[in-house]
Protein backbone atom coordinates (compact mmCIF):
# COMPACT_ATOMS: atom_id res chain seq x y z
CA MET A 1 86.86 130.48 209.67
CA PHE A 2 89.60 127.91 210.35
CA ASP A 3 92.95 128.71 211.91
CA LEU A 4 94.94 127.20 209.00
CA ILE A 5 94.21 125.42 205.77
CA VAL A 6 96.80 123.36 203.89
CA ARG A 7 95.54 123.81 200.44
CA GLY A 8 95.58 121.61 197.29
CA GLY A 9 98.17 118.94 198.16
CA ALA A 10 98.33 115.24 197.41
CA VAL A 11 97.43 113.79 200.75
CA VAL A 12 99.40 110.64 201.75
CA ASP A 13 97.48 109.95 204.94
CA GLY A 14 99.76 107.46 206.76
CA SER A 15 97.39 104.54 206.40
CA GLY A 16 99.05 103.05 203.36
CA ALA A 17 96.21 104.22 201.10
CA GLN A 18 96.89 105.90 197.77
CA PRO A 19 97.31 109.65 197.65
CA TYR A 20 94.27 111.85 197.05
CA ARG A 21 93.94 115.58 196.44
CA ALA A 22 92.37 117.45 199.34
CA ASP A 23 92.57 120.55 201.59
CA ILE A 24 93.30 120.03 205.29
CA ALA A 25 91.68 122.50 207.70
CA ILE A 26 93.08 122.94 211.23
CA ASN A 27 91.60 124.51 214.28
CA GLY A 28 93.85 124.80 217.31
CA ASP A 29 96.09 121.68 217.41
CA VAL A 30 93.74 119.28 215.59
CA ILE A 31 92.61 118.64 212.09
CA ALA A 32 89.04 119.88 211.73
CA ASP A 33 88.10 119.05 208.20
CA ILE A 34 89.39 117.37 204.98
CA GLY A 35 88.13 117.73 201.45
CA LEU A 36 87.98 120.23 198.66
CA LEU A 37 86.98 123.03 201.04
CA ASP A 38 85.27 126.27 200.06
CA ALA A 39 86.20 127.92 203.39
CA ALA A 40 88.42 130.66 204.64
CA ALA A 41 91.24 130.48 207.17
CA ARG A 42 93.37 132.98 209.03
CA HIS A 43 96.45 131.40 207.45
CA GLU A 44 97.00 129.19 204.46
CA VAL A 45 99.75 126.89 203.21
CA ASP A 46 99.90 126.37 199.41
CA ALA A 47 100.57 122.69 198.95
CA ALA A 48 99.93 122.54 195.22
CA GLY A 49 102.24 120.03 193.49
CA CYS A 50 103.38 118.72 196.91
CA LEU A 51 102.72 115.75 199.13
CA VAL A 52 101.03 116.28 202.50
CA THR A 53 101.92 113.68 205.02
CA PRO A 54 101.49 113.26 208.73
CA GLY A 55 104.48 114.34 210.78
CA PHE A 56 107.02 111.59 211.15
CA VAL A 57 107.52 109.71 214.40
CA ASP A 58 110.97 108.49 215.43
CA ILE A 59 110.73 106.17 218.45
CA HIS A 60 114.49 105.65 218.90
CA THR A 61 116.36 108.83 219.76
CA HIS A 62 118.61 110.14 222.55
CA TYR A 63 117.58 113.80 222.94
CA ASP A 64 117.47 113.27 226.74
CA GLY A 65 120.19 115.90 227.22
CA GLN A 66 119.71 118.04 224.11
CA ALA A 67 116.07 118.57 225.12
CA ILE A 68 117.36 120.23 228.36
CA TRP A 69 119.83 122.60 226.82
CA SER A 70 118.25 123.33 223.44
CA PRO A 71 114.65 124.11 222.15
CA LEU A 72 115.59 122.54 218.78
CA LEU A 73 115.60 118.81 218.35
CA THR A 74 117.69 118.80 215.28
CA PRO A 75 118.57 117.20 212.97
CA SER A 76 115.31 115.18 213.45
CA SER A 77 112.96 118.18 213.08
CA VAL A 78 114.74 119.19 209.82
CA HIS A 79 113.69 115.83 208.30
CA GLY A 80 110.02 116.03 208.92
CA VAL A 81 109.95 114.34 212.35
CA THR A 82 107.37 115.94 214.69
CA THR A 83 107.55 113.36 217.54
CA VAL A 84 110.53 111.77 219.09
CA VAL A 85 110.94 109.16 221.92
CA VAL A 86 113.95 109.39 224.22
CA GLY A 87 115.36 107.18 226.93
CA ASN A 88 116.25 104.36 224.55
CA CYS A 89 118.94 101.79 225.16
CA GLY A 90 118.24 102.06 228.92
CA VAL A 91 120.43 105.20 229.29
CA GLY A 92 119.42 108.69 230.31
CA PHE A 93 119.58 111.14 233.20
CA ALA A 94 116.71 110.15 235.45
CA PRO A 95 116.20 109.08 238.07
CA CYS A 96 119.46 110.21 239.47
CA ARG A 97 120.71 111.41 242.87
CA PRO A 98 123.36 114.20 242.81
CA ALA A 99 126.10 111.71 243.89
CA ASP A 100 125.46 109.77 240.71
CA HIS A 101 125.61 112.67 238.18
CA ALA A 102 129.18 111.77 237.12
CA LEU A 103 128.26 108.06 236.62
CA LEU A 104 125.39 108.86 234.25
CA VAL A 105 127.47 111.42 232.39
CA ASN A 106 130.23 108.82 232.02
CA THR A 107 127.63 106.35 230.83
CA MET A 108 126.23 108.59 228.16
CA GLU A 109 129.69 109.62 227.08
CA GLY A 110 130.64 105.99 226.45
CA VAL A 111 127.45 104.70 224.98
CA GLU A 112 126.20 107.68 222.99
CA ASP A 113 129.49 109.55 222.21
CA ILE A 114 128.37 112.78 223.94
CA PRO A 115 131.36 114.66 225.25
CA GLU A 116 131.54 114.97 229.05
CA VAL A 117 132.05 118.81 228.87
CA VAL A 118 128.89 119.15 226.73
CA MET A 119 126.76 117.42 229.39
CA THR A 120 128.49 119.13 232.33
CA ARG A 121 127.84 122.54 230.72
CA GLY A 122 124.39 121.81 229.34
CA LEU A 123 122.50 119.76 232.00
CA SER A 124 120.64 121.77 234.68
CA TRP A 125 120.12 118.76 236.96
CA ASP A 126 116.95 120.42 238.39
CA TRP A 127 115.48 116.97 239.01
CA GLU A 128 116.17 113.84 240.94
CA THR A 129 113.19 111.46 240.33
CA PHE A 130 111.88 110.49 236.97
CA PRO A 131 108.63 112.46 237.39
CA GLN A 132 110.74 115.50 238.18
CA TYR A 133 112.69 115.05 234.97
CA LEU A 134 109.44 114.93 233.05
CA ASP A 135 108.45 118.17 234.74
CA ALA A 136 111.79 119.74 233.64
CA LEU A 137 111.00 118.74 230.07
CA ASP A 138 107.44 120.04 230.47
CA ARG A 139 108.75 123.41 231.56
CA SER A 140 110.75 123.74 228.37
CA ARG A 141 109.57 124.59 224.92
CA HIS A 142 110.70 122.70 221.82
CA ASP A 143 110.07 122.67 218.15
CA ILE A 144 108.67 119.12 218.28
CA ASP A 145 106.99 116.74 220.76
CA ILE A 146 108.93 114.44 223.15
CA GLY A 147 107.91 111.16 224.68
CA VAL A 148 110.12 109.41 227.28
CA LEU A 149 110.96 105.90 228.20
CA LEU A 150 112.23 105.08 231.74
CA PRO A 151 115.83 103.96 231.34
CA HIS A 152 117.00 100.87 233.09
CA SER A 153 120.61 101.83 234.03
CA PRO A 154 119.70 105.06 235.93
CA LEU A 155 116.81 103.22 237.58
CA ARG A 156 119.10 100.37 238.65
CA VAL A 157 121.70 102.78 240.18
CA PHE A 158 118.96 104.86 241.88
CA VAL A 159 117.66 101.87 243.66
CA MET A 160 120.80 99.73 244.16
CA GLY A 161 123.61 102.38 244.38
CA GLU A 162 127.06 100.90 243.90
CA ARG A 163 125.68 97.40 243.69
CA GLY A 164 123.55 98.43 240.67
CA ALA A 165 126.60 100.07 238.96
CA ALA A 166 128.68 96.98 239.62
CA ARG A 167 126.00 94.82 237.95
CA GLU A 168 125.37 92.72 241.05
CA PRO A 169 122.19 90.57 240.92
CA ALA A 170 119.12 92.46 242.12
CA THR A 171 117.35 91.14 245.14
CA ASP A 172 113.66 90.65 245.30
CA THR A 173 113.47 93.82 247.33
CA ASP A 174 115.47 95.69 244.66
CA ILE A 175 113.21 94.45 241.90
CA GLY A 176 110.09 95.38 243.94
CA GLN A 177 111.41 98.93 244.36
CA MET A 178 112.24 99.27 240.62
CA ALA A 179 108.78 98.03 239.74
CA SER A 180 107.21 100.55 242.13
CA LEU A 181 109.25 103.35 240.43
CA MET A 182 108.15 101.96 237.07
CA ARG A 183 104.51 102.34 238.07
CA GLN A 184 105.23 105.81 239.33
CA ALA A 185 106.87 106.66 236.03
CA ILE A 186 103.85 105.34 234.03
CA SER A 187 101.55 107.34 236.15
CA ALA A 188 103.63 110.49 235.54
CA GLY A 189 103.66 109.98 231.80
CA ALA A 190 106.39 107.58 230.73
CA LEU A 191 105.73 105.73 227.49
CA GLY A 192 107.41 102.64 228.69
CA PHE A 193 110.78 101.07 229.73
CA ALA A 194 114.07 100.64 227.99
CA SER A 195 117.17 98.49 228.63
CA SER A 196 120.39 97.32 227.06
CA ARG A 197 121.91 93.87 227.14
CA THR A 198 124.72 94.25 224.65
CA GLU A 199 128.36 94.09 225.45
CA VAL A 200 128.94 96.80 222.77
CA HIS A 201 127.50 99.44 225.10
CA ARG A 202 130.24 100.53 227.53
CA ARG A 203 130.68 103.51 229.81
CA GLY A 204 133.38 106.13 229.10
CA ASP A 205 135.67 104.32 231.48
CA GLY A 206 135.20 101.05 229.53
CA GLU A 207 132.97 99.34 232.12
CA PHE A 208 129.69 97.62 231.08
CA LEU A 209 126.43 99.35 231.68
CA PRO A 210 124.61 98.81 234.99
CA SER A 211 121.80 96.98 233.00
CA PHE A 212 124.22 94.59 231.24
CA GLN A 213 123.73 91.00 232.55
CA ALA A 214 120.58 91.94 234.43
CA GLU A 215 118.71 88.68 235.00
CA ALA A 216 115.58 87.79 233.24
CA ARG A 217 113.55 87.92 236.53
CA GLU A 218 114.69 91.61 236.95
CA LEU A 219 113.59 92.57 233.46
CA ARG A 220 110.27 90.79 233.89
CA GLY A 221 109.76 92.34 237.25
CA VAL A 222 110.41 95.87 236.19
CA ALA A 223 108.33 95.52 233.02
CA ALA A 224 105.44 94.07 235.14
CA GLY A 225 105.35 97.49 236.93
CA MET A 226 103.93 98.86 233.67
CA SER A 227 100.61 97.01 234.37
CA GLY A 228 100.13 96.39 230.73
CA ARG A 229 100.59 99.98 229.69
CA GLY A 230 103.51 101.02 227.50
CA LEU A 231 106.34 99.74 225.36
CA VAL A 232 109.50 97.92 226.24
CA GLN A 233 112.58 98.77 224.14
CA ILE A 234 115.65 96.50 224.46
CA VAL A 235 119.03 96.41 222.80
CA THR A 236 119.86 92.68 222.82
CA ASN A 237 123.11 90.79 222.51
CA LEU A 238 121.67 89.19 219.42
CA ALA A 239 124.40 90.49 217.05
CA ARG A 240 127.07 89.28 219.36
CA GLY A 241 125.57 85.90 220.18
CA ASP A 242 128.06 83.02 219.68
CA SER A 243 125.54 80.51 218.31
CA ASP A 244 122.00 80.37 216.89
CA GLU A 245 120.96 78.69 220.15
CA SER A 246 122.11 81.64 222.32
CA ARG A 247 120.45 84.01 219.87
CA SER A 248 117.21 82.11 219.97
CA GLN A 249 117.31 82.20 223.77
CA GLU A 250 117.64 85.96 223.59
CA MET A 251 114.49 86.10 221.50
CA ASP A 252 112.72 83.78 223.95
CA LEU A 253 113.52 86.28 226.70
CA LEU A 254 111.87 89.06 224.71
CA ALA A 255 108.76 86.93 224.18
CA ASP A 256 108.72 86.08 227.93
CA ILE A 257 108.82 89.77 228.83
CA SER A 258 106.04 90.63 226.43
CA ARG A 259 103.95 87.69 227.57
CA THR A 260 104.27 88.34 231.31
CA ALA A 261 104.15 92.11 231.22
CA ARG A 262 101.38 92.21 228.62
CA VAL A 263 103.22 94.86 226.55
CA PRO A 264 104.78 95.05 223.08
CA VAL A 265 108.59 94.71 222.94
CA THR A 266 110.77 96.30 220.29
CA PHE A 267 114.46 95.34 219.82
CA SER A 268 117.20 96.79 217.68
CA LEU A 269 118.00 94.60 214.70
CA PRO A 270 121.32 95.33 213.04
CA GLN A 271 122.83 92.90 210.58
CA PRO A 272 126.58 92.55 211.38
CA ASN A 273 128.55 92.38 208.18
CA ALA A 274 130.28 89.28 209.54
CA SER A 275 126.85 87.61 210.03
CA PRO A 276 124.79 88.68 207.03
CA GLU A 277 122.30 85.87 207.63
CA LEU A 278 121.21 87.23 211.03
CA PHE A 279 118.54 89.56 209.71
CA ALA A 280 116.55 86.81 208.00
CA LYS A 281 116.91 84.49 211.02
CA ALA A 282 115.78 87.16 213.52
CA LEU A 283 112.66 87.78 211.40
CA GLN A 284 111.92 84.07 211.47
CA TRP A 285 112.44 83.92 215.25
CA THR A 286 110.08 86.92 215.50
CA ASP A 287 107.42 85.09 213.59
CA ARG A 288 107.89 82.08 215.86
CA SER A 289 107.46 84.23 219.01
CA ASN A 290 104.45 86.17 217.69
CA ALA A 291 102.64 82.92 216.90
CA ASP A 292 101.70 83.15 220.58
CA PRO A 293 98.86 85.66 220.67
CA ARG A 294 100.01 86.89 224.01
CA VAL A 295 103.35 87.99 222.51
CA SER A 296 104.01 91.19 220.48
CA ILE A 297 107.61 91.55 219.39
CA HIS A 298 108.78 94.19 216.88
CA PRO A 299 112.21 94.24 215.31
CA GLN A 300 113.41 97.77 214.77
CA PHE A 301 115.76 98.23 211.80
CA ALA A 302 117.54 101.01 209.99
CA PRO A 303 116.68 101.54 206.33
CA ARG A 304 120.35 102.05 205.34
CA PRO A 305 123.68 100.71 206.55
CA ILE A 306 124.38 101.33 210.20
CA GLY A 307 127.55 103.11 209.78
CA VAL A 308 129.97 105.62 211.38
CA TYR A 309 131.48 108.75 209.99
CA ILE A 310 135.28 108.94 210.47
CA GLY A 311 137.59 111.90 209.85
CA LEU A 312 140.33 114.04 211.43
CA GLU A 313 137.64 116.36 212.75
CA LEU A 314 135.46 113.54 214.15
CA SER A 315 135.56 111.17 217.13
CA THR A 316 137.82 108.69 215.41
CA ASN A 317 139.80 107.73 212.31
CA PRO A 318 141.79 104.69 211.24
CA PHE A 319 145.03 106.16 212.72
CA ALA A 320 143.65 107.61 215.92
CA ASP A 321 145.42 105.03 218.11
CA CYS A 322 148.68 104.85 216.19
CA PRO A 323 151.43 106.07 218.52
CA SER A 324 152.77 108.64 216.06
CA TYR A 325 149.26 110.05 215.50
CA ARG A 326 148.51 110.14 219.26
CA SER A 327 151.51 112.45 219.77
CA LEU A 328 149.79 115.20 217.77
CA ALA A 329 146.11 114.40 218.33
CA HIS A 330 145.93 117.38 220.71
CA LEU A 331 146.78 119.87 218.02
CA PRO A 332 144.10 122.03 216.37
CA LEU A 333 142.92 120.63 213.04
CA GLU A 334 144.84 123.08 210.92
CA ALA A 335 148.13 122.44 212.68
CA ARG A 336 147.53 118.71 212.73
CA VAL A 337 146.88 118.63 209.05
CA GLN A 338 150.11 120.54 208.44
CA GLU A 339 152.02 117.92 210.39
CA LEU A 340 150.26 115.00 208.76
CA ARG A 341 151.28 116.21 205.38
CA LYS A 342 154.96 115.85 206.14
CA PRO A 343 156.25 112.85 204.09
CA GLU A 344 158.24 111.18 206.92
CA LEU A 345 155.35 111.33 209.40
CA ARG A 346 153.00 110.11 206.73
CA ARG A 347 155.15 107.09 206.04
CA ARG A 348 155.55 106.34 209.81
CA ILE A 349 151.84 106.51 210.63
CA ILE A 350 150.79 104.48 207.63
CA ALA A 351 153.16 101.70 208.65
CA GLU A 352 152.25 101.70 212.30
CA PRO A 353 149.48 99.31 213.56
CA PRO A 354 147.09 100.65 216.25
CA ALA A 355 148.34 100.40 219.78
CA ALA A 356 147.48 97.34 221.80
CA ASP A 357 144.91 99.24 223.84
CA ALA A 358 143.24 100.69 220.73
CA ALA A 359 139.48 101.36 221.13
CA PRO A 360 137.22 98.87 219.32
CA ILE A 361 135.81 101.81 217.31
CA VAL A 362 139.24 102.50 215.86
CA ARG A 363 139.47 98.93 214.70
CA THR A 364 136.07 99.43 213.04
CA ALA A 365 137.48 102.55 211.31
CA ARG A 366 140.10 100.24 209.69
CA GLN A 367 137.52 98.05 207.96
CA PHE A 368 138.71 99.45 204.64
CA GLU A 369 136.69 97.07 202.52
CA GLN A 370 133.53 98.69 204.04
CA THR A 371 134.83 102.32 204.01
CA TYR A 372 133.69 104.84 201.41
CA ARG A 373 134.01 108.50 200.46
CA VAL A 374 130.99 110.65 201.41
CA SER A 375 129.52 112.32 198.30
CA ASP A 376 127.01 115.16 198.09
CA PRO A 377 124.27 113.96 198.01
CA PRO A 378 125.52 111.01 199.97
CA CYS A 379 125.19 107.42 198.58
CA TYR A 380 124.21 104.86 201.25
CA GLU A 381 124.24 101.92 198.89
CA PRO A 382 127.71 102.34 197.38
CA GLU A 383 129.27 99.86 194.97
CA PRO A 384 131.77 97.65 196.75
CA SER A 385 134.26 98.56 194.01
CA LEU A 386 134.32 102.16 195.43
CA SER A 387 135.53 101.13 198.87
CA VAL A 388 138.93 102.19 200.16
CA ALA A 389 140.21 98.65 199.83
CA ALA A 390 139.02 98.13 196.29
CA GLN A 391 140.23 101.58 195.05
CA ALA A 392 143.60 101.06 196.79
CA ALA A 393 143.93 97.65 195.12
CA SER A 394 143.29 99.19 191.72
CA LEU A 395 146.02 101.67 192.34
CA GLY A 396 148.37 99.07 193.64
CA ILE A 397 148.85 100.77 197.06
CA PRO A 398 147.93 99.79 200.66
CA SER A 399 144.55 100.70 201.88
CA GLU A 400 146.11 102.65 204.78
CA GLU A 401 147.90 104.95 202.33
CA LEU A 402 144.73 105.81 200.31
CA ALA A 403 142.66 106.23 203.48
CA TYR A 404 145.31 108.59 204.84
CA ASP A 405 145.24 110.74 201.71
CA TRP A 406 141.46 110.83 201.52
CA LEU A 407 141.26 112.03 205.11
CA LEU A 408 143.60 114.99 204.30
CA GLU A 409 141.40 116.27 201.50
CA ASP A 410 139.47 119.44 202.06
CA ASP A 411 142.14 120.64 204.45
CA GLY A 412 141.31 117.74 206.80
CA HIS A 413 137.52 118.31 206.80
CA SER A 414 136.99 115.26 204.66
CA ILE A 415 134.48 112.65 205.97
CA LEU A 416 134.53 108.89 205.19
CA TYR A 417 131.81 106.42 205.88
CA VAL A 418 132.16 102.94 207.35
CA ALA A 419 129.13 100.79 206.55
CA MET A 420 129.78 98.53 209.61
CA SER A 421 126.40 96.80 209.68
CA ASN A 422 123.55 96.08 207.26
CA TYR A 423 126.04 95.80 204.44
CA GLY A 424 127.44 92.30 204.60
CA TYR A 425 126.15 91.51 201.05
CA GLY A 426 127.29 94.85 199.63
CA ASN A 427 123.77 96.05 199.05
CA LEU A 428 120.51 96.73 200.85
CA ASP A 429 118.36 93.95 199.45
CA HIS A 430 117.93 92.33 202.85
CA VAL A 431 116.41 95.65 204.10
CA ALA A 432 113.78 95.38 201.42
CA ASP A 433 112.82 91.97 203.00
CA ALA A 434 112.34 93.66 206.39
CA PHE A 435 110.08 96.35 204.92
CA SER A 436 107.51 93.65 204.08
CA HIS A 437 107.63 92.03 207.49
CA PRO A 438 104.24 92.83 209.35
CA GLN A 439 105.85 93.37 212.75
CA ALA A 440 108.98 95.23 211.76
CA VAL A 441 109.36 98.97 212.28
CA VAL A 442 111.74 101.49 210.84
CA GLY A 443 113.82 103.42 213.31
CA LEU A 444 117.17 103.60 215.07
CA GLY A 445 117.65 107.27 214.15
CA ASP A 446 119.66 107.94 217.27
CA GLY A 447 119.18 111.67 217.08
CA GLY A 448 120.87 113.49 220.00
CA ALA A 449 123.63 110.95 220.31
CA HIS A 450 126.88 109.82 218.63
CA TYR A 451 127.53 113.41 217.90
CA GLY A 452 131.00 112.78 216.46
CA MET A 453 130.32 109.50 214.56
CA ILE A 454 126.74 109.07 213.43
CA CYS A 455 123.87 111.11 211.87
CA ASP A 456 121.17 108.55 211.20
CA ALA A 457 118.35 110.81 212.24
CA SER A 458 118.08 111.84 208.58
CA TYR A 459 116.61 108.44 207.71
CA PRO A 460 113.11 109.74 206.92
CA THR A 461 114.45 111.80 204.04
CA PHE A 462 116.58 108.78 202.83
CA MET A 463 113.34 106.68 202.95
CA LEU A 464 111.41 109.17 200.77
CA THR A 465 114.23 109.88 198.33
CA TYR A 466 116.00 106.58 197.87
CA TRP A 467 113.51 103.84 198.67
CA ALA A 468 110.35 105.56 197.55
CA ARG A 469 111.80 107.41 194.46
CA ASP A 470 115.30 106.64 193.26
CA ARG A 471 116.28 103.05 193.84
CA ALA A 472 116.25 101.05 190.64
CA SER A 473 114.77 97.80 192.02
CA ARG A 474 112.87 96.42 195.04
CA THR A 475 111.64 99.83 195.96
CA VAL A 476 109.06 100.83 198.52
CA ALA A 477 105.77 102.30 197.39
CA LEU A 478 105.24 105.89 198.57
CA PRO A 479 102.17 105.17 200.63
CA ALA A 480 103.91 102.33 202.41
CA ALA A 481 107.07 104.45 203.00
CA VAL A 482 104.99 107.21 204.63
CA GLN A 483 103.10 104.59 206.73
CA MET A 484 106.40 103.25 208.02
CA LEU A 485 107.42 106.71 209.11
CA THR A 486 104.15 107.67 210.73
CA SER A 487 101.24 105.43 211.83
CA ILE A 488 103.28 102.23 212.39
CA PRO A 489 105.77 103.77 214.87
CA ALA A 490 103.13 105.93 216.45
CA ALA A 491 100.85 103.01 217.10
CA LEU A 492 103.72 100.88 218.60
CA ALA A 493 104.57 103.68 221.01
CA GLY A 494 100.96 104.02 221.99
CA LEU A 495 100.52 107.45 220.31
CA ARG A 496 97.33 106.89 218.51
CA ASP A 497 96.43 110.52 218.28
CA ARG A 498 98.99 111.14 215.55
CA GLY A 499 100.61 109.33 212.57
CA LEU A 500 97.42 109.59 210.42
CA ILE A 501 95.66 112.43 208.63
CA GLY A 502 92.08 112.37 209.75
CA VAL A 503 89.55 114.62 211.47
CA GLY A 504 90.31 114.90 215.15
CA TYR A 505 93.88 113.74 214.76
CA LYS A 506 96.75 115.98 216.00
CA ALA A 507 97.73 118.54 213.41
CA ASP A 508 101.26 117.44 212.75
CA LEU A 509 101.91 117.63 209.04
CA ASN A 510 104.61 117.86 206.40
CA VAL A 511 104.27 119.61 202.99
CA ILE A 512 106.92 118.04 200.76
CA ASP A 513 108.04 118.70 197.22
CA HIS A 514 108.88 115.05 196.66
CA ALA A 515 110.45 115.58 193.18
CA ALA A 516 112.85 118.21 194.55
CA LEU A 517 113.58 116.38 197.91
CA VAL A 518 117.36 116.11 198.49
CA LEU A 519 119.42 114.79 201.36
CA HIS A 520 122.55 116.75 201.80
CA ALA A 521 125.97 115.49 202.83
CA PRO A 522 126.76 115.51 206.52
CA GLN A 523 128.73 118.46 207.92
CA VAL A 524 130.45 119.28 211.20
CA CYS A 525 129.16 122.09 213.25
CA TYR A 526 130.01 123.45 216.69
CA ASP A 527 126.71 124.45 218.35
CA LEU A 528 126.62 122.17 221.46
CA PRO A 529 127.22 123.55 224.94
CA ALA A 530 130.84 124.54 225.52
CA GLY A 531 131.26 124.78 221.73
CA GLY A 532 130.85 121.07 221.39
CA ARG A 533 130.99 119.42 217.96
CA ARG A 534 128.30 117.39 216.24
CA ILE A 535 127.57 116.04 212.82
CA ASP A 536 124.57 117.68 211.19
CA GLN A 537 122.73 116.80 208.04
CA THR A 538 120.16 118.93 206.26
CA ALA A 539 117.75 118.49 203.38
CA ALA A 540 115.90 120.54 200.71
CA GLY A 541 112.33 119.98 199.59
CA TYR A 542 110.45 120.19 202.90
CA ARG A 543 108.22 123.18 202.08
CA THR A 544 106.49 123.30 205.50
CA SER A 545 106.51 121.24 208.71
CA ILE A 546 103.63 121.75 211.14
CA VAL A 547 103.42 120.76 214.78
CA SER A 548 100.14 121.18 216.61
CA GLY A 549 98.79 123.35 213.87
CA ILE A 550 101.67 125.73 213.92
CA PRO A 551 104.44 125.86 211.18
CA ILE A 552 107.84 125.29 212.67
CA ARG A 553 109.82 125.22 209.42
CA ARG A 554 109.39 126.72 205.97
CA ASP A 555 111.71 125.94 203.07
CA GLY A 556 114.47 124.79 205.29
CA GLU A 557 114.35 127.72 207.77
CA GLN A 558 113.02 127.80 211.35
CA THR A 559 109.98 129.97 211.92
CA GLY A 560 110.84 130.51 215.55
CA ALA A 561 107.75 128.79 216.74
CA LEU A 562 108.17 126.25 219.58
CA PRO A 563 104.86 124.31 219.86
CA GLY A 564 106.48 120.99 220.85
CA ARG A 565 105.37 119.59 224.19
CA LEU A 566 106.10 116.74 226.47
CA ILE A 567 103.78 113.79 225.79
CA ARG A 568 102.48 112.41 229.01
CA GLY A 569 101.52 108.76 228.57
CA ARG A 570 99.86 106.85 225.78
CA GLN A 571 97.34 108.64 223.68
CA SER A 572 93.97 107.39 222.44
CA VAL A 573 92.49 107.33 218.92
CA PRO A 574 90.49 110.55 218.43
CA ARG A 575 86.72 110.07 218.54
């Protein structure tokens, strides 16, 4: 008698092998048997006509706060993800002394677009050290599992105080203390270390992150505290490098960290639309670095454009920093829309350029040649002829005028999409090149962050629908797509007990009606602490998602089960 049998599905086991029909028996939280089983179970899941895959593993999320105030790590768990890793980009909430709470909140507000009031209301702050933060997560119950990286910026401030926040060079004593805390974190269960070196990441007050401009010896020293155990995740300044030489030096730093710390390094690889050749060059530099057997570098890329949603209900729009719009930005949406529809105000705002102190993201929102309507289901490889700029040109009107009118549709609830990276050529062919790179990994879901601008945590569903089913050319085979969502990221994070369907492996599974799988358009909801707003995105076609042998979702609905747990440290391959 088994606890659960998933009966009669086409098993796509995460190894890249072809699907095969089998039943999967589960006892407790592990897979107990696989085959055409003539056995009974206390519960069964009918998987006939469906795929059965391992649970998906997203190694780049920011549920550091959401995991404290909510048991549900959505939208990731809605899209078949059963394991997430937090602490990415070197930002988070531990370690942190009480005097620095406001600084870390300001950091997360700026970098990850999480409103200050949401964190103030939602964070319990019943920790100070990193191990205590892990204990706080361990006391909670969640729908899916959570692994944690030690974030560099909180670590730096914890050790160096104001000097760390002001980005002063770390002394040898500072680096030694950070390395000691790194060892403590690994012993307590951290999966590794994360940092950010990009000038794009700013605090809410506009200042650079504490980790920005940290010297190479500091990064090497902290990573060395891992003693060869764990993963280093870094957001580089690669996309902002002013020359191939500076970009190559950035890659050399990653190789140096991997070599000296004896750990794999993964770095975020966007392709700025202004530098569409960067993707291919970065893959070449990766190959050059990995030619050294002591180096293990893994570009992490998004399988669709890295974009932002803009709208009157969201964090920004093309007119957010126009003086006439600013004067009414405080109004509730309904009242604001009523004002915006007045012809005189419409003419004035359309004619106004953004103020001199306009936020960079507002200027991004005015990239009309890369801005598109959001359809349902959404299209993430739109024809350039459908952009605001192209459509406005065909109508013989300014782009600002058309964007203004589109934003007022649906009583101001309309959402537009700016494909700000990964779309320099107007298609996703370069992403197809990355899929075939042996060291590249799919990721950058960013779940739990950018609540008012981004919802990329739905990328697993996009992978299975668009790349593995619907795209006309240069597609990804279904077994390879599942492998990219499961065993590849799991192995990179050191979680070798999951990501594959095999006897003894963790019983994290998805039962998917692949033919009926649909990714819905993003919508705005208000379910964060203090009524905070976030963009959510759902899907249809996930029949059942199972974590540790327990179904957490059936046909798009939560079961109420919360089997998710904190992952303490790297996990071994089952014997």
